[in-house]
Amino acid sequence: MSLEFLLATGIGMVTATGVYLMLRGRTFSVVLGLSVLGYAVNVFIFAAGRLWTNSQPILAGDGAVADPLPQALVLTAIVIGFATTGFLIELALRSRHESGTDHVDGHEPAPSAKRDASQPTKDRSAGSTFRNPVGHSSTGRADDSHDLKAWKVIDDAGMRGATQGGAQMSPMHSNFLINMGGATAADLEDLGEEVRKRVFQQSGITLEWEIMRVGERRAQK
C-alpha cells in the first residue's frame, strides 16, 4: 500500500467528516465542519506539491529540492483559518444569544401537530419506554406483524396513568414513562418493572425495555 494512497484516503475521510458536520443544521457543527474541511484542503494543497523525502524547500546546491509553494500556501491558510474560525464562533454565539437557539435557521423545528396530539412531547420523558412485543413489530422475524403495540398491552393491564413516587405512565400515551417532578431513578425503574409484571400477569407477554438504563442501583440502607 503506497503512501499516496494512504494520504488520499485520509483526505477523503476528513473531507467527508467536514461535509457531514456542515449539514447538521447547528451553528457549532457548521463551524467545526468548516474547520475540518479547511484542514482537508490544506493537506490536499500540501500533497499537490508531491511527497518528497530528504529534500529541503530551499535551493542549496545541485540536490533535489521540494516545492516550497504548497508549504507557503498552507502556512498562510492556517493563519487566515484561525482568524476566520474565531469570527464564525463569535457570530454563532451572538446568534445563539439573540435567537435562543443554535439552529442555523434561527428557530427550532416545531414538532408535528400529529405527534403533539398523541404523545407527551411537552413532558419530561425518555421517549418510548418498551419495545413492541416480539412477533408483533418490525424485528425482522418471519412471524412479525404490526397488530399489537406495547401501549395496547399496557392499557389492557390497567397501567395507563399509573404512578410511583414522581414517576407516571403517561395518561396520553401509556408507553411513555414520564417524570412529573422530583422522580428518582428508582421511581422510574420500579414503575417500569411493575408495568412489566402486570402485563405478564394479564397477557403472558414479557415487555422488553427500550430505554437503556445506565449504572447500578444503590443498595437500600
Protein backbone atom coordinates (compact mmCIF):
# COMPACT_ATOMS: atom_id res chain seq x y z
CA MET A 1 0.00 0.00 0.00
CA SER A 2 1.58 3.28 -1.13
CA LEU A 3 1.91 6.40 0.95
CA GLU A 4 -0.01 8.33 -1.71
CA PHE A 5 -3.00 6.00 -1.30
CA LEU A 6 -2.99 6.39 2.48
CA LEU A 7 -2.79 10.16 2.16
CA ALA A 8 -5.62 10.30 -0.38
CA THR A 9 -7.78 8.07 1.81
CA GLY A 10 -7.14 10.26 4.83
CA ILE A 11 -8.02 13.41 2.89
CA GLY A 12 -11.24 11.80 1.70
CA MET A 13 -12.27 10.74 5.22
CA VAL A 14 -11.55 14.18 6.69
CA THR A 15 -13.45 15.85 3.84
CA ALA A 16 -16.46 13.57 4.37
CA THR A 17 -16.42 14.34 8.10
CA GLY A 18 -16.35 18.07 7.42
CA VAL A 19 -19.24 17.89 4.95
CA TYR A 20 -21.28 15.76 7.36
CA LEU A 21 -20.80 18.27 10.20
CA MET A 22 -21.72 21.19 7.93
CA LEU A 23 -25.03 19.50 7.07
CA ARG A 24 -26.02 19.01 10.72
CA GLY A 25 -28.02 22.23 10.89
CA ARG A 26 -26.40 23.51 14.10
CA THR A 27 -24.09 26.51 14.15
CA PHE A 28 -21.36 24.84 16.21
CA SER A 29 -21.39 21.81 13.93
CA VAL A 30 -21.16 24.07 10.88
CA VAL A 31 -18.18 25.96 12.32
CA LEU A 32 -16.47 22.71 13.27
CA GLY A 33 -17.21 21.24 9.85
CA LEU A 34 -15.72 24.26 8.10
CA SER A 35 -12.58 23.94 10.21
CA VAL A 36 -12.24 20.22 9.47
CA LEU A 37 -12.85 20.83 5.77
CA GLY A 38 -10.18 23.53 5.85
CA TYR A 39 -7.68 21.04 7.27
CA ALA A 40 -8.51 18.61 4.45
CA VAL A 41 -7.93 21.33 1.85
CA ASN A 42 -4.61 22.26 3.48
CA VAL A 43 -3.38 18.67 3.33
CA PHE A 44 -4.57 18.41 -0.28
CA ILE A 45 -2.61 21.54 -1.23
CA PHE A 46 0.42 20.21 0.59
CA ALA A 47 0.15 16.88 -1.21
CA ALA A 48 -0.24 18.66 -4.57
CA GLY A 49 3.46 19.52 -4.37
CA ARG A 50 4.22 15.77 -4.27
CA LEU A 51 5.63 13.85 -1.34
CA TRP A 52 9.34 14.44 -1.01
CA THR A 53 11.84 12.83 1.34
CA ASN A 54 15.26 14.11 2.31
CA SER A 55 14.65 17.28 0.31
CA GLN A 56 14.59 20.86 1.56
CA PRO A 57 12.33 23.62 0.22
CA ILE A 58 15.43 25.80 -0.16
CA LEU A 59 17.82 25.93 -3.10
CA ALA A 60 21.11 24.56 -1.84
CA GLY A 61 23.46 23.10 -4.39
CA ASP A 62 22.50 20.56 -7.00
CA GLY A 63 20.42 18.22 -4.77
CA ALA A 64 16.69 17.56 -5.05
CA VAL A 65 14.51 20.42 -3.83
CA ALA A 66 10.92 20.14 -2.60
CA ASP A 67 8.36 22.58 -3.99
CA PRO A 68 8.08 25.41 -1.42
CA LEU A 69 4.88 26.93 -2.86
CA PRO A 70 2.37 24.44 -1.32
CA GLN A 71 4.04 24.81 2.08
CA ALA A 72 3.81 28.59 1.90
CA LEU A 73 0.16 28.41 0.86
CA VAL A 74 -0.69 26.04 3.73
CA LEU A 75 1.05 28.23 6.32
CA THR A 76 -0.87 31.25 5.05
CA ALA A 77 -4.15 29.33 5.07
CA ILE A 78 -3.60 28.20 8.67
CA VAL A 79 -3.11 31.78 9.86
CA ILE A 80 -6.17 33.03 7.97
CA GLY A 81 -8.16 29.99 9.14
CA PHE A 82 -7.60 30.79 12.81
CA ALA A 83 -8.96 34.31 12.35
CA THR A 84 -11.93 33.13 10.26
CA THR A 85 -12.83 30.42 12.77
CA GLY A 86 -12.74 32.88 15.66
CA PHE A 87 -15.02 35.25 13.70
CA LEU A 88 -17.51 32.47 12.91
CA ILE A 89 -17.58 31.32 16.55
CA GLU A 90 -18.37 34.89 17.64
CA LEU A 91 -21.19 35.07 15.07
CA ALA A 92 -22.57 31.74 16.28
CA LEU A 93 -22.53 32.87 19.91
CA ARG A 94 -24.22 36.15 19.00
CA SER A 95 -26.90 34.30 17.05
CA ARG A 96 -27.50 31.91 19.94
CA HIS A 97 -27.81 34.83 22.35
CA GLU A 98 -30.33 36.71 20.20
CA SER A 99 -32.43 33.80 18.94
CA GLY A 100 -32.18 31.44 21.91
CA THR A 101 -31.22 28.51 19.66
CA ASP A 102 -28.14 27.26 17.84
CA HIS A 103 -30.13 26.16 14.79
CA VAL A 104 -28.86 27.68 11.57
CA ASP A 105 -32.38 28.90 10.71
CA GLY A 106 -32.62 30.79 13.99
CA HIS A 107 -35.52 28.71 15.34
CA GLU A 108 -36.10 25.15 16.43
CA PRO A 109 -38.13 22.96 14.08
CA ALA A 110 -41.58 22.60 15.61
CA PRO A 111 -42.76 19.04 16.32
CA SER A 112 -45.60 17.90 14.15
CA ALA A 113 -49.15 18.58 15.33
CA LYS A 114 -49.95 14.88 14.95
CA ARG A 115 -47.18 13.91 17.38
CA ASP A 116 -48.25 16.60 19.86
CA ALA A 117 -51.78 15.22 19.79
CA SER A 118 -50.80 11.61 20.51
CA GLN A 119 -47.56 11.78 22.53
CA PRO A 120 -46.49 13.72 25.66
CA THR A 121 -43.91 15.85 23.82
CA LYS A 122 -44.06 18.59 26.46
CA ASP A 123 -43.44 16.23 29.40
CA ARG A 124 -40.07 15.03 30.64
CA SER A 125 -39.59 11.53 29.28
CA ALA A 126 -37.01 9.37 27.53
CA GLY A 127 -39.37 8.55 24.70
CA SER A 128 -40.86 5.13 24.07
CA THR A 129 -40.29 3.01 27.19
CA PHE A 130 -40.89 -0.57 26.00
CA ARG A 131 -40.40 -2.32 22.67
CA ASN A 132 -43.43 -3.67 20.90
CA PRO A 133 -43.92 -7.36 21.77
CA VAL A 134 -41.74 -9.74 19.74
CA GLY A 135 -43.68 -11.22 16.86
CA HIS A 136 -45.82 -8.09 16.56
CA SER A 137 -43.27 -5.48 15.49
CA SER A 138 -40.58 -4.92 12.89
CA THR A 139 -37.92 -7.20 14.38
CA GLY A 140 -37.14 -8.94 11.11
CA ARG A 141 -38.66 -12.26 12.17
CA ALA A 142 -40.81 -14.22 9.76
CA ASP A 143 -43.80 -14.13 12.13
CA ASP A 144 -43.71 -10.37 12.64
CA SER A 145 -46.84 -8.30 12.19
CA HIS A 146 -47.97 -4.86 13.30
CA ASP A 147 -51.24 -5.66 15.04
CA LEU A 148 -50.08 -5.36 18.66
CA LYS A 149 -48.32 -2.44 20.31
CA ALA A 150 -46.75 -2.09 23.72
CA TRP A 151 -49.19 0.66 24.71
CA LYS A 152 -52.13 -1.67 24.00
CA VAL A 153 -51.00 -4.42 26.38
CA ILE A 154 -50.16 -1.77 29.00
CA ASP A 155 -53.68 -0.41 28.68
CA ASP A 156 -55.12 -3.91 28.93
CA ALA A 157 -53.19 -4.36 32.18
CA GLY A 158 -54.76 -1.17 33.56
CA MET A 159 -51.43 0.67 33.88
CA ARG A 160 -52.22 3.81 31.90
CA GLY A 161 -51.68 6.73 34.27
CA ALA A 162 -50.14 4.51 36.98
CA THR A 163 -47.76 6.32 39.33
CA GLN A 164 -44.78 5.53 41.56
CA GLY A 165 -43.37 8.44 43.52
CA GLY A 166 -42.80 11.19 40.96
CA ALA A 167 -42.96 8.79 38.00
CA GLN A 168 -46.03 8.12 35.89
CA MET A 169 -47.08 6.14 32.85
CA SER A 170 -48.38 8.96 30.68
CA PRO A 171 -52.19 9.24 30.51
CA MET A 172 -51.77 10.50 26.93
CA HIS A 173 -49.63 7.58 25.71
CA SER A 174 -49.19 4.69 28.12
CA ASN A 175 -45.83 3.60 26.66
CA PHE A 176 -44.20 6.84 27.81
CA LEU A 177 -42.68 6.86 31.28
CA ILE A 178 -42.62 10.49 32.44
CA ASN A 179 -41.18 12.44 35.35
CA MET A 180 -43.92 14.55 36.94
CA GLY A 181 -41.32 16.34 39.06
CA GLY A 182 -38.89 15.02 41.63
CA ALA A 183 -38.94 11.41 40.40
CA THR A 184 -35.87 9.39 41.29
CA ALA A 185 -34.25 6.77 39.09
CA ALA A 186 -35.66 4.17 41.47
CA ASP A 187 -39.19 5.55 40.99
CA LEU A 188 -38.89 5.30 37.22
CA GLU A 189 -37.38 1.83 37.22
CA ASP A 190 -39.79 0.46 39.84
CA LEU A 191 -42.80 1.72 37.91
CA GLY A 192 -41.45 0.24 34.70
CA GLU A 193 -40.89 -3.13 36.35
CA GLU A 194 -44.37 -3.03 37.85
CA VAL A 195 -45.78 -2.43 34.38
CA ARG A 196 -43.85 -5.42 33.02
CA LYS A 197 -45.16 -7.57 35.89
CA ARG A 198 -48.79 -6.55 35.39
CA VAL A 199 -48.60 -7.03 31.61
CA PHE A 200 -47.19 -10.53 32.06
CA GLN A 201 -49.94 -11.41 34.54
CA GLN A 202 -52.63 -10.05 32.21
CA SER A 203 -51.50 -11.29 28.80
CA GLY A 204 -48.47 -13.54 29.33
CA ILE A 205 -46.27 -11.13 27.34
CA THR A 206 -42.88 -10.03 28.68
CA LEU A 207 -42.17 -6.45 27.67
CA GLU A 208 -38.56 -5.56 26.92
CA TRP A 209 -37.09 -2.21 27.94
CA GLU A 210 -36.38 0.09 25.01
CA ILE A 211 -34.80 2.72 27.27
CA MET A 212 -31.15 1.96 28.01
CA ARG A 213 -30.56 2.01 31.76
CA VAL A 214 -27.06 3.01 32.84
CA GLY A 215 -25.33 2.43 36.18
CA GLU A 216 -26.06 0.23 39.16
CA ARG A 217 -28.84 0.66 41.64
CA ARG A 218 -27.77 1.88 45.06
CA ALA A 219 -28.42 -0.62 47.82
CA GLN A 220 -31.09 0.48 50.27
CA LYS A 221 -29.93 1.07 53.84
